Amino acid sequence: MITQTKRTQDMLTPVEAYRILKEGNKRFEQNLKAQRNLKVQVIETSMGQYPFAAVLSCIDSRVPVELVFDLGIGDVFSIRIAGNVVNKDVLGSIEYACKVAGSKIVVVMGHTRCGAVKSACNKVELGNITSLLSKIKPAVQVIENSQKEMDEKDMEKVAIENVQLSIDRMKQESEILFQMEKLGKIQIVGAIYSVSTGRVDFFESDSDLT
């Protein structure tokens, strides 16, 4: 696999970036790896970086973005925060990735059995965690059934809803990202990673990215 350069990044479209991520996850799921020399990539990226993707994901130790998509050094901006929530710093990071550094796709990726989602569903309050979980509460409220405690299936629905709401916030609160997607310069997509299988399921169908 080649190291991303300004030329290869410029040649990629959002659709092609999406395809690279899907193919990388398929290899990961099958326990395969693309051949790459990481030491060479360290050297080749030492003078500059041209990642083709930005991925907002959870801090969960079971969801290492570069491994999940079988990526190398210099391929992706990885923004990690508990519950893959959106705040100004996250938005600024993604704006930099796309507007300044040229990334072609933004993926908001939640995952199954998410501790932050479970804590939000259970209404945990603890230090600064309380403020973070408040950003997941809108997703909880969409799914919540006041007649009973939320079960595991409900919590997985919250994780999916939380990804969608994070995407909505991204588009509402970042004029830069909203306009870039409107002009076709980037694509913003949602996904859920299964900690049991290693599979990433994207919300959008392939027809949405053509």
N, C-alpha and C. Protein backbone atom coordinates (compact mmCIF):
# COMPACT_ATOMS: atom_id res chain seq x y z
N MET A 1 0.85 -1.20 0.00
CA MET A 1 0.00 0.00 0.00
C MET A 1 0.88 1.25 0.00
N ILE A 2 0.49 2.23 -0.82
CA ILE A 2 1.28 3.44 -0.93
C ILE A 2 0.98 4.38 0.24
N THR A 3 1.93 5.25 0.52
CA THR A 3 1.71 6.31 1.49
C THR A 3 0.96 7.44 0.81
N GLN A 4 -0.02 8.00 1.50
CA GLN A 4 -0.79 9.10 0.91
C GLN A 4 0.10 10.31 0.67
N THR A 5 -0.01 10.86 -0.52
CA THR A 5 0.70 12.09 -0.88
C THR A 5 -0.33 13.14 -1.27
N LYS A 6 0.12 14.36 -1.49
CA LYS A 6 -0.79 15.42 -1.93
C LYS A 6 -1.46 15.01 -3.25
N ARG A 7 -0.71 14.39 -4.13
CA ARG A 7 -1.25 14.00 -5.43
C ARG A 7 -2.32 12.92 -5.28
N THR A 8 -2.02 11.86 -4.50
CA THR A 8 -3.00 10.78 -4.37
C THR A 8 -4.23 11.26 -3.61
N GLN A 9 -4.03 12.15 -2.63
CA GLN A 9 -5.18 12.71 -1.89
C GLN A 9 -6.06 13.54 -2.81
N ASP A 10 -5.45 14.39 -3.64
CA ASP A 10 -6.22 15.24 -4.55
C ASP A 10 -7.02 14.43 -5.56
N MET A 11 -6.48 13.27 -5.95
CA MET A 11 -7.14 12.44 -6.96
C MET A 11 -8.34 11.68 -6.40
N LEU A 12 -8.40 11.52 -5.08
CA LEU A 12 -9.49 10.75 -4.47
C LEU A 12 -10.77 11.56 -4.42
N THR A 13 -11.89 10.89 -4.62
CA THR A 13 -13.21 11.46 -4.41
C THR A 13 -13.76 10.92 -3.09
N PRO A 14 -14.79 11.55 -2.55
CA PRO A 14 -15.43 10.99 -1.36
C PRO A 14 -15.89 9.55 -1.56
N VAL A 15 -16.38 9.23 -2.74
CA VAL A 15 -16.84 7.87 -3.04
C VAL A 15 -15.68 6.88 -2.96
N GLU A 16 -14.54 7.27 -3.51
CA GLU A 16 -13.37 6.39 -3.48
C GLU A 16 -12.83 6.23 -2.06
N ALA A 17 -12.89 7.32 -1.29
CA ALA A 17 -12.45 7.25 0.10
C ALA A 17 -13.33 6.28 0.89
N TYR A 18 -14.62 6.34 0.64
CA TYR A 18 -15.57 5.43 1.26
C TYR A 18 -15.25 3.97 0.91
N ARG A 19 -14.94 3.73 -0.35
CA ARG A 19 -14.60 2.39 -0.82
C ARG A 19 -13.35 1.86 -0.12
N ILE A 20 -12.34 2.71 0.04
CA ILE A 20 -11.11 2.30 0.71
C ILE A 20 -11.39 1.86 2.15
N LEU A 21 -12.24 2.62 2.84
CA LEU A 21 -12.58 2.27 4.22
C LEU A 21 -13.33 0.95 4.29
N LYS A 22 -14.29 0.76 3.39
CA LYS A 22 -15.06 -0.48 3.38
C LYS A 22 -14.17 -1.68 3.09
N GLU A 23 -13.29 -1.54 2.12
CA GLU A 23 -12.40 -2.65 1.77
C GLU A 23 -11.42 -2.94 2.90
N GLY A 24 -10.96 -1.88 3.58
CA GLY A 24 -10.05 -2.08 4.71
C GLY A 24 -10.71 -2.82 5.85
N ASN A 25 -11.97 -2.47 6.13
CA ASN A 25 -12.67 -3.17 7.20
C ASN A 25 -12.96 -4.62 6.83
N LYS A 26 -13.21 -4.86 5.57
CA LYS A 26 -13.44 -6.24 5.12
C LYS A 26 -12.19 -7.09 5.36
N ARG A 27 -11.01 -6.53 5.05
CA ARG A 27 -9.76 -7.25 5.32
C ARG A 27 -9.61 -7.52 6.81
N PHE A 28 -9.89 -6.49 7.62
CA PHE A 28 -9.77 -6.64 9.07
C PHE A 28 -10.69 -7.73 9.60
N GLU A 29 -11.92 -7.72 9.11
CA GLU A 29 -12.90 -8.72 9.54
C GLU A 29 -12.45 -10.13 9.18
N GLN A 30 -11.71 -10.25 8.08
CA GLN A 30 -11.23 -11.56 7.63
C GLN A 30 -9.83 -11.88 8.16
N ASN A 31 -9.34 -11.02 9.06
CA ASN A 31 -8.01 -11.19 9.66
C ASN A 31 -6.90 -11.15 8.60
N LEU A 32 -7.06 -10.25 7.63
CA LEU A 32 -6.06 -10.03 6.59
C LEU A 32 -5.48 -8.63 6.75
N LYS A 33 -4.30 -8.41 6.19
CA LYS A 33 -3.68 -7.10 6.24
C LYS A 33 -3.06 -6.76 4.89
N ALA A 34 -3.22 -5.51 4.48
CA ALA A 34 -2.52 -5.04 3.29
C ALA A 34 -1.03 -4.97 3.60
N GLN A 35 -0.22 -5.24 2.62
CA GLN A 35 1.22 -5.18 2.80
C GLN A 35 1.69 -3.72 2.80
N ARG A 36 2.31 -3.31 3.88
CA ARG A 36 2.84 -1.95 3.96
C ARG A 36 4.06 -1.95 4.87
N ASN A 37 4.98 -1.08 4.59
CA ASN A 37 6.20 -0.93 5.40
C ASN A 37 6.01 0.30 6.28
N LEU A 38 5.68 0.07 7.55
CA LEU A 38 5.37 1.18 8.45
C LEU A 38 6.58 2.07 8.70
N LYS A 39 7.77 1.47 8.72
CA LYS A 39 8.98 2.28 8.92
C LYS A 39 9.17 3.24 7.76
N VAL A 40 8.95 2.75 6.55
CA VAL A 40 9.04 3.62 5.38
C VAL A 40 7.99 4.71 5.45
N GLN A 41 6.79 4.36 5.90
CA GLN A 41 5.73 5.37 6.00
C GLN A 41 6.06 6.44 7.04
N VAL A 42 6.73 6.05 8.11
CA VAL A 42 7.18 7.03 9.10
C VAL A 42 8.08 8.05 8.43
N ILE A 43 9.01 7.57 7.65
CA ILE A 43 9.96 8.46 6.96
C ILE A 43 9.23 9.32 5.92
N GLU A 44 8.37 8.69 5.14
CA GLU A 44 7.71 9.41 4.05
C GLU A 44 6.73 10.46 4.54
N THR A 45 6.17 10.27 5.73
CA THR A 45 5.21 11.25 6.26
C THR A 45 5.87 12.26 7.19
N SER A 46 7.15 12.14 7.40
CA SER A 46 7.82 13.02 8.37
C SER A 46 7.80 14.49 7.93
N MET A 47 7.69 14.74 6.64
CA MET A 47 7.70 16.11 6.13
C MET A 47 6.31 16.65 5.80
N GLY A 48 5.28 15.81 5.96
CA GLY A 48 3.93 16.28 5.67
C GLY A 48 2.93 15.14 5.72
N GLN A 49 1.65 15.48 5.90
CA GLN A 49 0.60 14.46 5.99
C GLN A 49 -0.56 14.84 5.09
N TYR A 50 -1.15 13.79 4.46
CA TYR A 50 -2.26 14.01 3.53
C TYR A 50 -3.33 12.93 3.72
N PRO A 51 -3.89 12.83 4.92
CA PRO A 51 -4.91 11.80 5.19
C PRO A 51 -6.14 11.98 4.31
N PHE A 52 -6.73 10.87 3.89
CA PHE A 52 -7.91 10.94 3.03
C PHE A 52 -9.21 10.90 3.81
N ALA A 53 -9.13 10.61 5.12
CA ALA A 53 -10.35 10.45 5.92
C ALA A 53 -10.16 11.02 7.32
N ALA A 54 -11.28 11.40 7.93
CA ALA A 54 -11.32 11.79 9.34
C ALA A 54 -12.40 10.94 10.00
N VAL A 55 -12.04 10.30 11.10
CA VAL A 55 -12.99 9.42 11.78
C VAL A 55 -13.17 9.90 13.22
N LEU A 56 -14.41 10.22 13.57
CA LEU A 56 -14.77 10.55 14.95
C LEU A 56 -15.30 9.28 15.59
N SER A 57 -14.60 8.79 16.60
CA SER A 57 -15.02 7.55 17.25
C SER A 57 -14.88 7.67 18.76
N CYS A 58 -15.24 6.62 19.45
CA CYS A 58 -15.19 6.57 20.91
C CYS A 58 -13.77 6.24 21.38
N ILE A 59 -13.47 6.56 22.63
CA ILE A 59 -12.15 6.24 23.19
C ILE A 59 -12.01 4.76 23.52
N ASP A 60 -13.08 3.99 23.38
CA ASP A 60 -13.08 2.58 23.75
C ASP A 60 -11.84 1.85 23.21
N SER A 61 -11.16 1.11 24.07
CA SER A 61 -9.91 0.45 23.70
C SER A 61 -10.10 -0.66 22.68
N ARG A 62 -11.35 -1.09 22.48
CA ARG A 62 -11.63 -2.16 21.52
C ARG A 62 -11.90 -1.64 20.11
N VAL A 63 -11.79 -0.31 19.94
CA VAL A 63 -12.14 0.28 18.64
C VAL A 63 -10.97 1.11 18.10
N PRO A 64 -9.84 0.48 17.78
CA PRO A 64 -8.70 1.21 17.23
C PRO A 64 -8.90 1.48 15.73
N VAL A 65 -9.14 2.72 15.38
CA VAL A 65 -9.57 3.07 14.03
C VAL A 65 -8.62 2.57 12.94
N GLU A 66 -7.31 2.80 13.12
CA GLU A 66 -6.37 2.40 12.07
C GLU A 66 -6.40 0.89 11.84
N LEU A 67 -6.58 0.11 12.89
CA LEU A 67 -6.65 -1.34 12.73
C LEU A 67 -7.97 -1.77 12.12
N VAL A 68 -9.05 -1.17 12.60
CA VAL A 68 -10.39 -1.54 12.14
C VAL A 68 -10.55 -1.35 10.63
N PHE A 69 -9.88 -0.32 10.09
CA PHE A 69 -9.97 -0.06 8.65
C PHE A 69 -8.69 -0.46 7.91
N ASP A 70 -7.80 -1.18 8.58
CA ASP A 70 -6.54 -1.62 7.99
C ASP A 70 -5.84 -0.47 7.28
N LEU A 71 -5.54 0.57 8.03
CA LEU A 71 -4.91 1.76 7.48
C LEU A 71 -3.47 1.88 7.96
N GLY A 72 -2.69 2.68 7.25
CA GLY A 72 -1.30 2.90 7.61
C GLY A 72 -1.09 4.28 8.21
N ILE A 73 0.17 4.62 8.40
CA ILE A 73 0.54 5.92 8.94
C ILE A 73 0.28 6.99 7.88
N GLY A 74 -0.40 8.06 8.30
CA GLY A 74 -0.68 9.15 7.38
C GLY A 74 -1.96 9.01 6.60
N ASP A 75 -2.76 7.98 6.89
CA ASP A 75 -3.99 7.74 6.12
C ASP A 75 -5.22 8.43 6.69
N VAL A 76 -5.26 8.63 8.00
CA VAL A 76 -6.50 9.04 8.63
C VAL A 76 -6.25 9.96 9.82
N PHE A 77 -7.15 10.96 9.98
CA PHE A 77 -7.22 11.73 11.21
C PHE A 77 -8.17 10.98 12.14
N SER A 78 -7.72 10.61 13.31
CA SER A 78 -8.55 9.88 14.26
C SER A 78 -8.87 10.79 15.44
N ILE A 79 -10.15 11.16 15.56
CA ILE A 79 -10.61 12.01 16.65
C ILE A 79 -11.39 11.12 17.61
N ARG A 80 -10.91 10.98 18.84
CA ARG A 80 -11.54 10.04 19.76
C ARG A 80 -12.00 10.76 21.03
N ILE A 81 -13.25 10.51 21.38
CA ILE A 81 -13.84 11.07 22.59
C ILE A 81 -14.93 10.11 23.05
N ALA A 82 -15.08 9.95 24.35
CA ALA A 82 -16.08 9.01 24.87
C ALA A 82 -17.45 9.30 24.29
N GLY A 83 -18.09 8.27 23.75
CA GLY A 83 -19.42 8.43 23.19
C GLY A 83 -19.46 9.09 21.83
N ASN A 84 -18.29 9.27 21.20
CA ASN A 84 -18.20 9.93 19.88
C ASN A 84 -19.14 11.13 19.77
N VAL A 85 -19.08 11.99 20.80
CA VAL A 85 -19.93 13.18 20.84
C VAL A 85 -19.24 14.34 20.13
N VAL A 86 -20.01 15.37 19.86
CA VAL A 86 -19.50 16.55 19.16
C VAL A 86 -19.46 17.74 20.10
N ASN A 87 -18.32 18.44 20.12
CA ASN A 87 -18.22 19.72 20.79
C ASN A 87 -17.37 20.64 19.90
N LYS A 88 -17.09 21.84 20.34
CA LYS A 88 -16.39 22.81 19.49
C LYS A 88 -14.99 22.33 19.13
N ASP A 89 -14.31 21.72 20.08
CA ASP A 89 -12.95 21.24 19.79
C ASP A 89 -12.97 20.11 18.76
N VAL A 90 -13.96 19.23 18.87
CA VAL A 90 -14.10 18.16 17.89
C VAL A 90 -14.40 18.76 16.52
N LEU A 91 -15.31 19.72 16.46
CA LEU A 91 -15.65 20.36 15.19
C LEU A 91 -14.43 21.05 14.58
N GLY A 92 -13.67 21.73 15.43
CA GLY A 92 -12.48 22.40 14.93
C GLY A 92 -11.47 21.42 14.36
N SER A 93 -11.35 20.28 15.02
CA SER A 93 -10.43 19.25 14.54
C SER A 93 -10.85 18.71 13.18
N ILE A 94 -12.15 18.47 13.02
CA ILE A 94 -12.65 17.92 11.76
C ILE A 94 -12.60 18.98 10.66
N GLU A 95 -12.88 20.23 11.01
CA GLU A 95 -12.74 21.31 10.03
C GLU A 95 -11.30 21.40 9.53
N TYR A 96 -10.36 21.27 10.44
CA TYR A 96 -8.95 21.28 10.04
C TYR A 96 -8.65 20.12 9.10
N ALA A 97 -9.13 18.93 9.48
CA ALA A 97 -8.87 17.73 8.67
C ALA A 97 -9.36 17.91 7.24
N CYS A 98 -10.54 18.50 7.08
CA CYS A 98 -11.15 18.59 5.75
C CYS A 98 -10.77 19.87 5.01
N LYS A 99 -10.96 21.00 5.63
CA LYS A 99 -10.77 22.29 4.94
C LYS A 99 -9.29 22.61 4.75
N VAL A 100 -8.48 22.30 5.75
CA VAL A 100 -7.06 22.66 5.69
C VAL A 100 -6.22 21.51 5.13
N ALA A 101 -6.45 20.30 5.64
CA ALA A 101 -5.58 19.18 5.29
C ALA A 101 -6.11 18.31 4.15
N GLY A 102 -7.34 18.54 3.69
CA GLY A 102 -7.81 17.90 2.47
C GLY A 102 -8.47 16.55 2.56
N SER A 103 -8.90 16.13 3.74
CA SER A 103 -9.59 14.83 3.85
C SER A 103 -10.89 14.86 3.08
N LYS A 104 -11.28 13.69 2.53
CA LYS A 104 -12.43 13.61 1.63
C LYS A 104 -13.68 13.00 2.25
N ILE A 105 -13.53 12.38 3.40
CA ILE A 105 -14.70 11.75 4.03
C ILE A 105 -14.60 11.88 5.54
N VAL A 106 -15.75 12.11 6.17
CA VAL A 106 -15.84 12.14 7.64
C VAL A 106 -16.75 11.00 8.07
N VAL A 107 -16.26 10.17 8.95
CA VAL A 107 -17.05 9.06 9.48
C VAL A 107 -17.27 9.28 10.97
N VAL A 108 -18.53 9.29 11.37
CA VAL A 108 -18.86 9.29 12.80
C VAL A 108 -19.20 7.85 13.14
N MET A 109 -18.35 7.23 13.94
CA MET A 109 -18.49 5.80 14.20
C MET A 109 -18.73 5.49 15.68
N GLY A 110 -19.95 5.03 15.96
CA GLY A 110 -20.25 4.51 17.28
C GLY A 110 -19.91 3.03 17.33
N HIS A 111 -20.23 2.40 18.44
CA HIS A 111 -19.95 0.96 18.53
C HIS A 111 -20.91 0.28 19.50
N THR A 112 -20.99 -1.02 19.37
CA THR A 112 -21.85 -1.80 20.26
C THR A 112 -21.25 -1.85 21.65
N ARG A 113 -22.12 -2.09 22.63
CA ARG A 113 -21.70 -2.22 24.03
C ARG A 113 -20.85 -1.03 24.49
N CYS A 114 -21.31 0.16 24.16
CA CYS A 114 -20.58 1.38 24.49
C CYS A 114 -20.82 1.78 25.95
N GLY A 115 -19.75 1.92 26.70
CA GLY A 115 -19.87 2.28 28.11
C GLY A 115 -20.45 3.65 28.33
N ALA A 116 -20.11 4.61 27.46
CA ALA A 116 -20.65 5.96 27.60
C ALA A 116 -22.14 5.97 27.35
N VAL A 117 -22.58 5.24 26.34
CA VAL A 117 -24.02 5.15 26.04
C VAL A 117 -24.75 4.48 27.19
N LYS A 118 -24.20 3.40 27.71
CA LYS A 118 -24.82 2.70 28.84
C LYS A 118 -24.93 3.62 30.05
N SER A 119 -23.88 4.39 30.31
CA SER A 119 -23.90 5.32 31.44
C SER A 119 -24.95 6.40 31.26
N ALA A 120 -25.09 6.90 30.03
CA ALA A 120 -26.11 7.91 29.75
C ALA A 120 -27.51 7.33 29.95
N CYS A 121 -27.69 6.10 29.49
CA CYS A 121 -28.99 5.43 29.66
C CYS A 121 -29.32 5.22 31.14
N ASN A 122 -28.29 4.96 31.93
CA ASN A 122 -28.47 4.71 33.37
C ASN A 122 -28.42 5.99 34.19
N LYS A 123 -28.32 7.13 33.48
CA LYS A 123 -28.35 8.45 34.13
C LYS A 123 -27.23 8.62 35.17
N VAL A 124 -26.05 8.16 34.81
CA VAL A 124 -24.89 8.30 35.68
C VAL A 124 -24.50 9.77 35.80
N GLU A 125 -24.16 10.19 37.00
CA GLU A 125 -23.64 11.53 37.24
C GLU A 125 -22.37 11.42 38.06
N LEU A 126 -21.26 11.91 37.48
CA LEU A 126 -19.96 11.77 38.16
C LEU A 126 -18.97 12.77 37.56
N GLY A 127 -18.61 13.76 38.35
CA GLY A 127 -17.61 14.73 37.92
C GLY A 127 -17.88 15.30 36.54
N ASN A 128 -16.82 15.42 35.75
CA ASN A 128 -16.95 15.95 34.39
C ASN A 128 -17.62 14.99 33.43
N ILE A 129 -17.76 13.74 33.86
CA ILE A 129 -18.46 12.76 33.03
C ILE A 129 -19.91 13.18 32.83
N THR A 130 -20.49 13.83 33.83
CA THR A 130 -21.88 14.28 33.75
C THR A 130 -22.10 15.18 32.54
N SER A 131 -21.20 16.14 32.35
CA SER A 131 -21.32 17.06 31.22
C SER A 131 -21.19 16.33 29.90
N LEU A 132 -20.26 15.40 29.83
CA LEU A 132 -20.08 14.64 28.59
C LEU A 132 -21.32 13.82 28.26
N LEU A 133 -21.86 13.14 29.27
CA LEU A 133 -23.03 12.29 29.04
C LEU A 133 -24.27 13.09 28.65
N SER A 134 -24.29 14.37 29.03
CA SER A 134 -25.45 15.21 28.68
C SER A 134 -25.59 15.34 27.17
N LYS A 135 -24.48 15.16 26.45
CA LYS A 135 -24.53 15.26 24.99
C LYS A 135 -25.12 14.00 24.36
N ILE A 136 -25.19 12.92 25.14
CA ILE A 136 -25.80 11.68 24.65
C ILE A 136 -27.27 11.61 25.04
N LYS A 137 -27.67 12.39 26.01
CA LYS A 137 -29.05 12.34 26.52
C LYS A 137 -30.12 12.52 25.45
N PRO A 138 -29.93 13.43 24.47
CA PRO A 138 -30.96 13.55 23.43
C PRO A 138 -31.23 12.24 22.70
N ALA A 139 -30.19 11.45 22.49
CA ALA A 139 -30.37 10.14 21.84
C ALA A 139 -31.12 9.19 22.77
N VAL A 140 -30.81 9.26 24.06
CA VAL A 140 -31.51 8.43 25.04
C VAL A 140 -33.00 8.76 25.03
N GLN A 141 -33.31 10.05 24.98
CA GLN A 141 -34.70 10.49 25.05
C GLN A 141 -35.51 10.04 23.83
N VAL A 142 -34.84 9.90 22.68
CA VAL A 142 -35.53 9.43 21.48
C VAL A 142 -35.97 7.98 21.65
N ILE A 143 -35.12 7.17 22.28
CA ILE A 143 -35.36 5.73 22.39
C ILE A 143 -36.07 5.34 23.68
N GLU A 144 -35.89 6.15 24.70
CA GLU A 144 -36.32 5.79 26.06
C GLU A 144 -37.81 5.44 26.15
N ASN A 145 -38.08 4.39 26.87
CA ASN A 145 -39.46 3.98 27.18
C ASN A 145 -39.67 4.18 28.67
N SER A 146 -40.50 5.13 29.03
CA SER A 146 -40.68 5.47 30.44
C SER A 146 -41.33 4.36 31.25
N GLN A 147 -41.86 3.32 30.58
CA GLN A 147 -42.56 2.25 31.29
C GLN A 147 -41.62 1.22 31.90
N LYS A 148 -40.35 1.23 31.47
CA LYS A 148 -39.43 0.20 31.97
C LYS A 148 -38.00 0.69 31.88
N GLU A 149 -37.10 -0.05 32.53
CA GLU A 149 -35.70 0.25 32.39
C GLU A 149 -35.24 -0.14 30.98
N MET A 150 -34.27 0.57 30.48
CA MET A 150 -33.78 0.27 29.14
C MET A 150 -32.95 -1.00 29.16
N ASP A 151 -33.22 -1.90 28.22
CA ASP A 151 -32.44 -3.13 28.15
C ASP A 151 -31.30 -2.95 27.15
N GLU A 152 -30.53 -4.01 26.95
CA GLU A 152 -29.35 -3.93 26.09
C GLU A 152 -29.72 -3.58 24.65
N LYS A 153 -30.83 -4.12 24.17
CA LYS A 153 -31.27 -3.83 22.80
C LYS A 153 -31.60 -2.35 22.65
N ASP A 154 -32.24 -1.77 23.66
CA ASP A 154 -32.56 -0.35 23.62
C ASP A 154 -31.28 0.48 23.58
N MET A 155 -30.29 0.07 24.36
CA MET A 155 -29.03 0.82 24.42
C MET A 155 -28.29 0.80 23.08
N GLU A 156 -28.40 -0.30 22.36
CA GLU A 156 -27.78 -0.36 21.04
C GLU A 156 -28.49 0.60 20.07
N LYS A 157 -29.80 0.74 20.25
CA LYS A 157 -30.55 1.71 19.44
C LYS A 157 -30.12 3.13 19.78
N VAL A 158 -29.84 3.38 21.06
CA VAL A 158 -29.35 4.69 21.48
C VAL A 158 -28.01 4.99 20.82
N ALA A 159 -27.13 3.99 20.75
CA ALA A 159 -25.82 4.19 20.13
C ALA A 159 -25.97 4.62 18.68
N ILE A 160 -26.89 4.00 17.97
CA ILE A 160 -27.15 4.36 16.56
C ILE A 160 -27.72 5.76 16.47
N GLU A 161 -28.70 6.06 17.31
CA GLU A 161 -29.32 7.39 17.31
C GLU A 161 -28.29 8.46 17.67
N ASN A 162 -27.39 8.14 18.59
CA ASN A 162 -26.35 9.08 19.01
C ASN A 162 -25.42 9.44 17.86
N VAL A 163 -25.09 8.46 17.03
CA VAL A 163 -24.27 8.74 15.84
C VAL A 163 -24.99 9.72 14.93
N GLN A 164 -26.26 9.45 14.67
CA GLN A 164 -27.03 10.32 13.77
C GLN A 164 -27.15 11.73 14.32
N LEU A 165 -27.37 11.85 15.63
CA LEU A 165 -27.49 13.17 16.23
C LEU A 165 -26.15 13.91 16.21
N SER A 166 -25.05 13.17 16.34
CA SER A 166 -23.72 13.80 16.25
C SER A 166 -23.50 14.35 14.84
N ILE A 167 -23.94 13.60 13.83
CA ILE A 167 -23.84 14.08 12.45
C ILE A 167 -24.70 15.32 12.25
N ASP A 168 -25.91 15.29 12.80
CA ASP A 168 -26.80 16.45 12.69
C ASP A 168 -26.17 17.68 13.32
N ARG A 169 -25.59 17.52 14.49
CA ARG A 169 -24.94 18.64 15.18
C ARG A 169 -23.76 19.17 14.36
N MET A 170 -23.02 18.24 13.78
CA MET A 170 -21.86 18.62 12.97
C MET A 170 -22.29 19.53 11.83
N LYS A 171 -23.37 19.16 11.16
CA LYS A 171 -23.83 19.95 10.02
C LYS A 171 -24.47 21.27 10.46
N GLN A 172 -25.11 21.26 11.61
CA GLN A 172 -25.78 22.46 12.10
C GLN A 172 -24.78 23.47 12.67
N GLU A 173 -23.72 22.99 13.31
CA GLU A 173 -22.81 23.86 14.04
C GLU A 173 -21.52 24.17 13.30
N SER A 174 -21.31 23.53 12.15
CA SER A 174 -20.12 23.83 11.35
C SER A 174 -20.55 24.21 9.93
N GLU A 175 -20.54 25.49 9.65
CA GLU A 175 -20.88 25.96 8.31
C GLU A 175 -19.84 25.46 7.30
N ILE A 176 -18.61 25.33 7.74
CA ILE A 176 -17.54 24.86 6.86
C ILE A 176 -17.85 23.45 6.36
N LEU A 177 -18.15 22.54 7.28
CA LEU A 177 -18.41 21.16 6.90
C LEU A 177 -19.71 21.03 6.12
N PHE A 178 -20.72 21.80 6.53
CA PHE A 178 -22.00 21.77 5.83
C PHE A 178 -21.83 22.17 4.37
N GLN A 179 -21.09 23.25 4.13
CA GLN A 179 -20.91 23.73 2.77
C GLN A 179 -20.02 22.80 1.96
N MET A 180 -19.00 22.23 2.58
CA MET A 180 -18.11 21.31 1.86
C MET A 180 -18.88 20.08 1.39
N GLU A 181 -19.79 19.58 2.23
CA GLU A 181 -20.57 18.42 1.82
C GLU A 181 -21.58 18.83 0.74
N LYS A 182 -22.17 20.00 0.90
CA LYS A 182 -23.15 20.48 -0.08
C LYS A 182 -22.52 20.60 -1.47
N LEU A 183 -21.24 20.99 -1.50
CA LEU A 183 -20.53 21.17 -2.77
C LEU A 183 -19.91 19.87 -3.27
N GLY A 184 -20.06 18.78 -2.51
CA GLY A 184 -19.53 17.50 -2.94
C GLY A 184 -18.05 17.30 -2.68
N LYS A 185 -17.46 18.19 -1.88
CA LYS A 185 -16.03 18.07 -1.61
C LYS A 185 -15.73 17.02 -0.55
N ILE A 186 -16.70 16.76 0.32
CA ILE A 186 -16.57 15.72 1.33
C ILE A 186 -17.90 14.98 1.45
N GLN A 187 -17.86 13.84 2.08
CA GLN A 187 -19.07 13.11 2.46
C GLN A 187 -19.01 12.86 3.96
N ILE A 188 -20.14 13.05 4.64
CA ILE A 188 -20.22 12.78 6.08
C ILE A 188 -21.13 11.57 6.27
N VAL A 189 -20.62 10.51 6.86
CA VAL A 189 -21.39 9.28 7.00
C VAL A 189 -21.32 8.76 8.44
N GLY A 190 -22.32 7.98 8.79
CA GLY A 190 -22.37 7.35 10.10
C GLY A 190 -22.09 5.87 10.00
N ALA A 191 -21.64 5.28 11.09
CA ALA A 191 -21.33 3.86 11.10
C ALA A 191 -21.37 3.32 12.53
N ILE A 192 -21.57 2.02 12.63
CA ILE A 192 -21.51 1.33 13.91
C ILE A 192 -20.53 0.16 13.79
N TYR A 193 -19.62 0.09 14.75
CA TYR A 193 -18.64 -1.00 14.79
C TYR A 193 -19.10 -2.04 15.81
N SER A 194 -19.03 -3.30 15.42
CA SER A 194 -19.38 -4.38 16.34
C SER A 194 -18.14 -4.86 17.06
N VAL A 195 -18.14 -4.74 18.39
CA VAL A 195 -16.98 -5.21 19.17
C VAL A 195 -16.94 -6.74 19.22
N SER A 196 -17.99 -7.39 18.77
CA SER A 196 -18.04 -8.86 18.76
C SER A 196 -17.49 -9.46 17.47
N THR A 197 -17.70 -8.77 16.34
CA THR A 197 -17.33 -9.33 15.04
C THR A 197 -16.23 -8.57 14.32
N GLY A 198 -16.01 -7.31 14.69
CA GLY A 198 -15.04 -6.49 13.98
C GLY A 198 -15.59 -5.83 12.74
N ARG A 199 -16.89 -5.97 12.50
CA ARG A 199 -17.51 -5.42 11.30
C ARG A 199 -17.99 -3.99 11.52
N VAL A 200 -17.77 -3.16 10.51
CA VAL A 200 -18.32 -1.80 10.50
C VAL A 200 -19.50 -1.77 9.55
N ASP A 201 -20.66 -1.39 10.05
CA ASP A 201 -21.84 -1.22 9.21
C ASP A 201 -22.09 0.27 9.03
N PHE A 202 -22.01 0.71 7.78
CA PHE A 202 -22.28 2.11 7.46
C PHE A 202 -23.78 2.34 7.34
N PHE A 203 -24.24 3.50 7.75
CA PHE A 203 -25.66 3.82 7.66
C PHE A 203 -26.09 4.00 6.22
N GLU A 204 -25.23 4.64 5.42
CA GLU A 204 -25.56 4.92 4.03
C GLU A 204 -25.38 3.68 3.19
N SER A 205 -26.26 3.49 2.23
CA SER A 205 -26.08 2.42 1.26
C SER A 205 -25.09 2.87 0.20
N ASP A 206 -24.56 1.92 -0.56
CA ASP A 206 -23.60 2.28 -1.59
C ASP A 206 -24.18 3.26 -2.59
N SER A 207 -25.50 3.17 -2.84
CA SER A 207 -26.13 4.07 -3.82
C SER A 207 -26.12 5.51 -3.36
N ASP A 208 -26.00 5.72 -2.03
CA ASP A 208 -25.95 7.08 -1.50
C ASP A 208 -24.60 7.73 -1.75
N LEU A 209 -23.60 6.91 -2.08
CA LEU A 209 -22.24 7.43 -2.24
C LEU A 209 -21.76 7.19 -3.66
N THR A 210 -22.57 7.55 -4.62
CA THR A 210 -22.18 7.45 -6.02
C THR A 210 -22.43 8.77 -6.71
